[in-house]
Amino acid sequence: MSATLRAHRAVLVAEAIEALALRADGVYVDGTFGRGGHSRAILERLGPGGRLIAIDRDPEAIAAAASIRDQRFSIVHARISELSAVLERCGVNKTNGTLFDLGVSSPQLDDPARGFSFRADGPLDMRMDPTQGVSAAEWLATAAEPDIREAIGGYGEERFAKQIAKAIVTARGREPIRRTKQLAEIVAAAVRTREAGQDPATRTFQALRILVNLELEEVSLMLPQALERLAAGGRLVVISFHSLEDRIVKRFFAAASKPDLPRDLPLRASELPPSPLRLVVRAQRASDAETAANPRARSAILRVAERTAALFDRNTCNRIEPDAWRS
């Protein structure tokens, strides 16, 4: 990786560590290792009997984890939707806390070879794991115009999705769209107006990244597994960076923290059955000081919930299906 790439700075580290309420001998999961900012902070507070299992789908993150030489630490190359399988492989039944720092990392954004950003030219890839799946260029080469429009409008919340999709289909008829700058120029030509300070390609690139990596599906599949694996009193901490993923987390937490009973059932509050989650604090954002030092923290939202002793069925989660969390 180029030495000119900016070092990744984990966001809301102090807040996340406090939210985990770490036990010195506890077993914890860092579900999105990145470059290890949160993992290192957790290890600093664990005792000799503690354990930290990290997960990341990016081979470069796995390579970066080799710098952590600590017997209490291990890392697994996997997606967050494979959380339960990872813990089975590691011989862990229950955890005392799980942390997820969602979204894309600074090294991924800053490396032109990864294709996440339009600010420097590179191959239009965008896969968090370049060894698996279909790249953004491959998807755009064959996707129907309505599918492109739906993806950009839905995942990117782009109001010019129709114009952009039409421009992409027209452009690919002339030549394959394989480079980030190439796509950015197509979008800029299709979008004549844009709010101040934002590049016209911002929302389109976000949408394609979310689609290529199945990011929202990954979050929806991960959350019930994380809850199921938490021991009573364990904390689930999630940091989100855009409204779509935060909405999934918020609605999952809300569903799992309320009893599944008809609203008009004549029961006192003390008679209600316990729910599997208890909300700990209100959503937190980065301080002004952190945002000034690390602009990426500006959109970060941290949510925290604690596992109760109530029974939990990951297939129902109070009969709220995953699609309901995403709607």
Protein backbone atom coordinates (compact mmCIF):
# COMPACT_ATOMS: atom_id res chain seq x y z
CA MET A 1 0.00 0.00 0.00
CA SER A 2 1.28 3.48 -0.81
CA ALA A 3 3.01 5.35 2.00
CA THR A 4 1.07 8.45 1.02
CA LEU A 5 -2.22 6.94 2.14
CA ARG A 6 -3.61 8.48 5.31
CA ALA A 7 -3.60 6.32 8.41
CA HIS A 8 -7.06 5.15 9.42
CA ARG A 9 -8.30 6.86 12.57
CA ALA A 10 -11.02 4.94 14.37
CA VAL A 11 -13.96 7.10 15.44
CA LEU A 12 -15.67 7.36 18.81
CA VAL A 13 -13.04 5.14 20.41
CA ALA A 14 -13.44 6.41 23.98
CA GLU A 15 -17.23 6.33 23.71
CA ALA A 16 -17.24 2.81 22.26
CA ILE A 17 -14.93 1.47 24.96
CA GLU A 18 -17.03 3.03 27.70
CA ALA A 19 -20.19 1.63 26.10
CA LEU A 20 -18.77 -1.91 26.10
CA ALA A 21 -18.38 -1.77 29.92
CA LEU A 22 -15.37 -4.06 29.60
CA ARG A 23 -14.68 -6.86 32.07
CA ALA A 24 -11.01 -7.70 32.52
CA ASP A 25 -11.70 -11.42 31.93
CA GLY A 26 -14.39 -10.98 29.29
CA VAL A 27 -14.65 -12.28 25.74
CA TYR A 28 -15.20 -9.56 23.15
CA VAL A 29 -15.66 -9.24 19.38
CA ASP A 30 -14.49 -6.41 17.15
CA GLY A 31 -16.64 -7.24 14.14
CA THR A 32 -14.97 -4.69 11.83
CA PHE A 33 -11.23 -4.60 12.56
CA GLY A 34 -10.24 -2.04 9.90
CA ARG A 35 -6.80 -1.01 11.07
CA GLY A 36 -7.33 -2.01 14.68
CA GLY A 37 -8.02 1.27 16.46
CA HIS A 38 -10.88 -0.15 18.52
CA SER A 39 -9.18 -3.53 18.97
CA ARG A 40 -6.06 -1.98 20.45
CA ALA A 41 -8.12 0.10 22.85
CA ILE A 42 -10.01 -3.01 23.99
CA LEU A 43 -6.79 -4.97 24.50
CA GLU A 44 -5.37 -2.17 26.66
CA ARG A 45 -8.23 -2.71 29.12
CA LEU A 46 -8.46 -6.50 29.10
CA GLY A 47 -6.74 -8.53 31.76
CA PRO A 48 -4.58 -11.62 31.18
CA GLY A 49 -7.70 -13.81 31.11
CA GLY A 50 -9.55 -11.69 28.57
CA ARG A 51 -10.00 -12.51 24.90
CA LEU A 52 -10.66 -10.48 21.75
CA ILE A 53 -11.80 -11.96 18.43
CA ALA A 54 -11.64 -9.60 15.46
CA ILE A 55 -13.33 -10.04 12.08
CA ASP A 56 -12.80 -8.30 8.76
CA ARG A 57 -13.66 -9.13 5.15
CA ASP A 58 -10.78 -7.07 3.70
CA PRO A 59 -7.55 -9.04 3.13
CA GLU A 60 -5.53 -5.86 3.71
CA ALA A 61 -7.08 -5.49 7.17
CA ILE A 62 -6.19 -9.10 7.94
CA ALA A 63 -2.60 -8.38 6.93
CA ALA A 64 -2.52 -5.24 9.11
CA ALA A 65 -3.65 -7.29 12.11
CA ALA A 66 -0.36 -9.22 11.99
CA SER A 67 1.21 -6.28 13.82
CA ILE A 68 -0.79 -7.15 16.95
CA ARG A 69 1.24 -9.78 18.76
CA ASP A 70 -0.96 -10.62 21.70
CA GLN A 71 -2.03 -14.09 22.78
CA ARG A 72 -5.42 -12.72 23.80
CA PHE A 73 -6.10 -11.58 20.22
CA SER A 74 -7.12 -13.46 17.08
CA ILE A 75 -8.55 -12.34 13.75
CA VAL A 76 -10.70 -14.14 11.19
CA HIS A 77 -11.17 -13.28 7.52
CA ALA A 78 -14.97 -13.27 7.22
CA ARG A 79 -18.05 -11.12 6.69
CA ILE A 80 -20.03 -9.81 9.65
CA SER A 81 -22.97 -11.95 8.52
CA GLU A 82 -20.82 -14.97 9.36
CA LEU A 83 -20.47 -13.97 13.03
CA SER A 84 -21.99 -17.12 14.51
CA ALA A 85 -19.89 -19.38 12.30
CA VAL A 86 -16.75 -17.45 13.29
CA LEU A 87 -17.50 -17.84 16.98
CA GLU A 88 -18.19 -21.54 16.52
CA ARG A 89 -14.83 -21.89 14.81
CA CYS A 90 -13.17 -20.08 17.71
CA GLY A 91 -14.88 -22.26 20.31
CA VAL A 92 -16.89 -19.37 21.76
CA ASN A 93 -20.52 -19.75 22.77
CA LYS A 94 -21.23 -16.39 24.43
CA THR A 95 -19.50 -13.01 24.36
CA ASN A 96 -19.48 -10.18 26.88
CA GLY A 97 -19.59 -7.50 24.21
CA THR A 98 -19.54 -6.97 20.45
CA LEU A 99 -18.55 -3.83 18.55
CA PHE A 100 -19.23 -2.98 14.91
CA ASP A 101 -17.79 0.09 13.17
CA LEU A 102 -19.72 -0.05 9.91
CA GLY A 103 -18.97 1.47 6.54
CA VAL A 104 -15.75 1.96 4.62
CA SER A 105 -12.33 2.70 6.15
CA SER A 106 -9.96 5.53 5.26
CA PRO A 107 -7.33 3.20 3.69
CA GLN A 108 -10.01 1.76 1.42
CA LEU A 109 -11.18 5.22 0.37
CA ASP A 110 -7.69 6.65 -0.07
CA ASP A 111 -6.20 3.85 -2.18
CA PRO A 112 -7.08 4.48 -5.86
CA ALA A 113 -6.49 0.81 -6.63
CA ARG A 114 -9.55 -0.12 -4.53
CA GLY A 115 -11.90 2.01 -6.64
CA PHE A 116 -14.00 3.41 -3.79
CA SER A 117 -13.38 7.08 -4.49
CA PHE A 118 -13.80 9.40 -7.47
CA ARG A 119 -11.07 11.76 -6.21
CA ALA A 120 -8.28 9.78 -7.89
CA ASP A 121 -8.48 7.56 -10.95
CA GLY A 122 -8.43 3.82 -10.47
CA PRO A 123 -10.20 0.60 -11.44
CA LEU A 124 -13.92 0.72 -10.70
CA ASP A 125 -13.92 -2.12 -8.17
CA MET A 126 -15.35 -1.10 -4.73
CA ARG A 127 -15.30 -4.60 -3.23
CA MET A 128 -14.26 -4.73 0.40
CA ASP A 129 -12.97 -8.21 -0.37
CA PRO A 130 -11.53 -8.09 -3.90
CA THR A 131 -11.27 -11.89 -3.93
CA GLN A 132 -15.05 -12.37 -3.87
CA GLY A 133 -18.15 -11.13 -5.63
CA VAL A 134 -18.76 -8.83 -8.57
CA SER A 135 -17.00 -5.48 -8.96
CA ALA A 136 -18.88 -2.24 -9.57
CA ALA A 137 -17.62 -2.19 -13.16
CA GLU A 138 -18.87 -5.72 -13.77
CA TRP A 139 -22.29 -4.91 -12.32
CA LEU A 140 -22.68 -1.72 -14.34
CA ALA A 141 -21.71 -3.56 -17.53
CA THR A 142 -24.81 -5.75 -17.49
CA ALA A 143 -27.39 -4.20 -15.13
CA ALA A 144 -30.66 -3.03 -16.66
CA GLU A 145 -31.34 0.69 -16.59
CA PRO A 146 -34.26 0.34 -14.11
CA ASP A 147 -31.99 -1.64 -11.75
CA ILE A 148 -29.29 1.03 -11.93
CA ARG A 149 -31.86 3.73 -11.28
CA GLU A 150 -33.29 1.83 -8.31
CA ALA A 151 -29.86 1.19 -6.78
CA ILE A 152 -28.68 4.79 -7.09
CA GLY A 153 -31.99 6.18 -5.89
CA GLY A 154 -32.41 3.72 -3.05
CA TYR A 155 -28.90 3.21 -1.71
CA GLY A 156 -27.59 6.64 -2.66
CA GLU A 157 -30.80 8.56 -1.96
CA GLU A 158 -30.00 10.37 -5.21
CA ARG A 159 -32.81 12.51 -6.64
CA PHE A 160 -31.20 12.49 -10.10
CA ALA A 161 -31.04 8.67 -10.24
CA LYS A 162 -33.12 8.49 -13.43
CA GLN A 163 -30.85 10.85 -15.36
CA ILE A 164 -27.70 9.17 -14.07
CA ALA A 165 -28.89 5.66 -14.94
CA LYS A 166 -29.78 6.75 -18.46
CA ALA A 167 -26.38 8.42 -18.88
CA ILE A 168 -24.56 5.29 -17.67
CA VAL A 169 -26.40 3.02 -20.09
CA THR A 170 -25.75 5.44 -22.97
CA ALA A 171 -22.06 5.75 -22.10
CA ARG A 172 -21.47 2.02 -21.76
CA GLY A 173 -22.90 1.60 -25.25
CA ARG A 174 -19.91 3.55 -26.52
CA GLU A 175 -17.22 1.95 -24.34
CA PRO A 176 -16.99 -0.12 -21.14
CA ILE A 177 -17.06 1.85 -17.89
CA ARG A 178 -14.00 0.55 -16.04
CA ARG A 179 -12.44 3.54 -14.25
CA THR A 180 -13.56 5.70 -11.34
CA LYS A 181 -12.88 9.00 -13.09
CA GLN A 182 -14.76 7.76 -16.12
CA LEU A 183 -17.89 7.12 -14.04
CA ALA A 184 -17.50 10.38 -12.13
CA GLU A 185 -17.42 12.34 -15.38
CA ILE A 186 -20.53 10.55 -16.67
CA VAL A 187 -22.40 11.42 -13.46
CA ALA A 188 -21.19 15.03 -13.47
CA ALA A 189 -22.44 15.49 -17.02
CA ALA A 190 -25.86 14.09 -16.06
CA VAL A 191 -26.24 16.10 -12.85
CA ARG A 192 -26.25 19.81 -13.62
CA THR A 193 -26.97 21.02 -10.10
CA ARG A 194 -25.72 19.85 -6.73
CA GLU A 195 -25.71 21.18 -3.19
CA ALA A 196 -22.65 23.23 -2.30
CA GLY A 197 -19.59 21.32 -1.18
CA GLN A 198 -20.62 17.91 -2.54
CA ASP A 199 -19.28 16.31 -5.70
CA PRO A 200 -22.05 15.18 -8.10
CA ALA A 201 -20.70 11.60 -7.98
CA THR A 202 -20.85 11.26 -4.17
CA ARG A 203 -24.23 9.58 -3.88
CA THR A 204 -23.72 7.35 -6.92
CA PHE A 205 -20.43 6.00 -5.59
CA GLN A 206 -22.00 5.42 -2.17
CA ALA A 207 -24.88 3.53 -3.74
CA LEU A 208 -22.65 1.27 -5.82
CA ARG A 209 -20.41 0.52 -2.84
CA ILE A 210 -23.39 -0.46 -0.70
CA LEU A 211 -24.81 -2.62 -3.49
CA VAL A 212 -21.56 -4.38 -4.43
CA ASN A 213 -20.78 -5.26 -0.81
CA LEU A 214 -24.38 -6.05 0.20
CA GLU A 215 -23.79 -3.77 3.17
CA LEU A 216 -27.39 -3.41 4.35
CA GLU A 217 -28.03 -7.14 4.02
CA GLU A 218 -24.87 -7.82 6.02
CA VAL A 219 -26.03 -5.58 8.86
CA SER A 220 -29.52 -7.14 8.89
CA LEU A 221 -28.05 -10.64 9.08
CA MET A 222 -25.42 -9.73 11.68
CA LEU A 223 -27.63 -8.09 14.31
CA PRO A 224 -29.69 -11.12 15.44
CA GLN A 225 -26.53 -13.25 15.52
CA ALA A 226 -24.75 -10.70 17.69
CA LEU A 227 -27.70 -10.57 20.08
CA GLU A 228 -28.01 -14.34 20.24
CA ARG A 229 -24.33 -14.68 21.14
CA LEU A 230 -24.32 -12.06 23.89
CA ALA A 231 -24.23 -13.26 27.48
CA ALA A 232 -26.61 -11.60 29.92
CA GLY A 233 -25.23 -8.15 30.72
CA GLY A 234 -23.18 -8.09 27.50
CA ARG A 235 -23.22 -4.98 25.36
CA LEU A 236 -23.87 -4.58 21.63
CA VAL A 237 -22.27 -1.39 20.29
CA VAL A 238 -22.77 -0.26 16.69
CA ILE A 239 -21.29 2.77 14.94
CA SER A 240 -23.08 3.72 11.70
CA PHE A 241 -22.14 6.30 9.09
CA HIS A 242 -25.22 6.79 6.94
CA SER A 243 -28.94 6.86 7.49
CA LEU A 244 -29.79 3.56 5.82
CA GLU A 245 -27.61 1.36 8.03
CA ASP A 246 -28.39 3.41 11.15
CA ARG A 247 -32.10 2.94 10.48
CA ILE A 248 -31.63 -0.84 10.46
CA VAL A 249 -29.75 -0.73 13.77
CA LYS A 250 -32.21 1.67 15.39
CA ARG A 251 -35.24 -0.42 14.42
CA PHE A 252 -33.62 -3.69 15.45
CA PHE A 253 -32.74 -2.27 18.86
CA ALA A 254 -36.26 -0.90 19.25
CA ALA A 255 -37.89 -4.20 18.25
CA ALA A 256 -35.70 -6.29 20.55
CA SER A 257 -36.16 -3.97 23.52
CA LYS A 258 -39.96 -4.11 23.56
CA PRO A 259 -42.19 -7.07 24.52
CA ASP A 260 -44.08 -8.66 21.65
CA LEU A 261 -47.61 -8.13 22.91
CA PRO A 262 -50.77 -6.53 21.51
CA ARG A 263 -50.86 -2.85 22.45
CA ASP A 264 -54.30 -3.07 24.05
CA LEU A 265 -53.47 -6.05 26.29
CA PRO A 266 -54.49 -5.10 29.88
CA LEU A 267 -51.13 -5.59 31.66
CA ARG A 268 -49.24 -3.42 34.11
CA ALA A 269 -45.67 -2.52 33.21
CA SER A 270 -44.42 -4.80 35.98
CA GLU A 271 -46.29 -7.72 34.43
CA LEU A 272 -44.76 -7.38 30.97
CA PRO A 273 -42.37 -10.16 29.94
CA PRO A 274 -38.72 -9.09 29.67
CA SER A 275 -37.28 -8.23 26.27
CA PRO A 276 -33.89 -9.53 25.10
CA LEU A 277 -32.33 -6.06 24.84
CA ARG A 278 -32.23 -2.99 27.05
CA LEU A 279 -31.32 0.34 25.50
CA VAL A 280 -28.41 1.83 27.45
CA VAL A 281 -27.92 5.39 26.21
CA ARG A 282 -29.34 7.66 23.56
CA ALA A 283 -27.58 7.75 20.19
CA GLN A 284 -24.21 9.48 20.50
CA ARG A 285 -22.26 11.56 17.99
CA ALA A 286 -18.62 12.58 17.88
CA SER A 287 -17.57 15.68 19.78
CA ASP A 288 -16.73 18.90 17.99
CA ALA A 289 -13.07 18.31 18.83
CA GLU A 290 -13.03 14.83 17.26
CA THR A 291 -14.90 16.02 14.19
CA ALA A 292 -12.41 18.84 13.70
CA ALA A 293 -9.49 16.41 13.97
CA ASN A 294 -11.16 13.66 11.92
CA PRO A 295 -13.88 14.87 9.49
CA ARG A 296 -14.95 11.25 8.85
CA ALA A 297 -16.42 11.25 12.37
CA ARG A 298 -18.98 13.90 11.43
CA SER A 299 -21.63 11.43 10.29
CA ALA A 300 -20.93 8.71 12.87
CA ILE A 301 -23.74 7.60 15.18
CA LEU A 302 -23.11 5.21 18.08
CA ARG A 303 -25.92 3.08 19.52
CA VAL A 304 -25.67 0.82 22.57
CA ALA A 305 -27.88 -1.91 23.96
CA GLU A 306 -27.41 -4.47 26.73
CA ARG A 307 -28.46 -8.12 26.71
CA THR A 308 -30.98 -9.11 29.35
CA ALA A 309 -31.57 -12.61 30.67
CA ALA A 310 -34.74 -12.97 28.57
CA LEU A 311 -35.03 -15.81 26.08
CA PHE A 312 -34.34 -14.87 22.48
CA ASP A 313 -35.17 -16.51 19.16
CA ARG A 314 -32.91 -15.12 16.43
CA ASN A 315 -35.39 -16.25 13.78
CA THR A 316 -38.19 -14.08 15.14
CA CYS A 317 -36.67 -11.37 17.36
CA ASN A 318 -40.08 -10.65 18.83
CA ARG A 319 -41.54 -11.63 15.47
CA ILE A 320 -40.03 -8.58 13.75
CA GLU A 321 -38.58 -9.83 10.48
CA PRO A 322 -35.35 -8.36 9.00
CA ASP A 323 -37.24 -6.68 6.16
CA ALA A 324 -39.26 -4.73 8.73
CA TRP A 325 -36.05 -3.29 10.21
CA ARG A 326 -35.02 -2.05 6.75
CA SER A 327 -38.33 -0.52 5.67
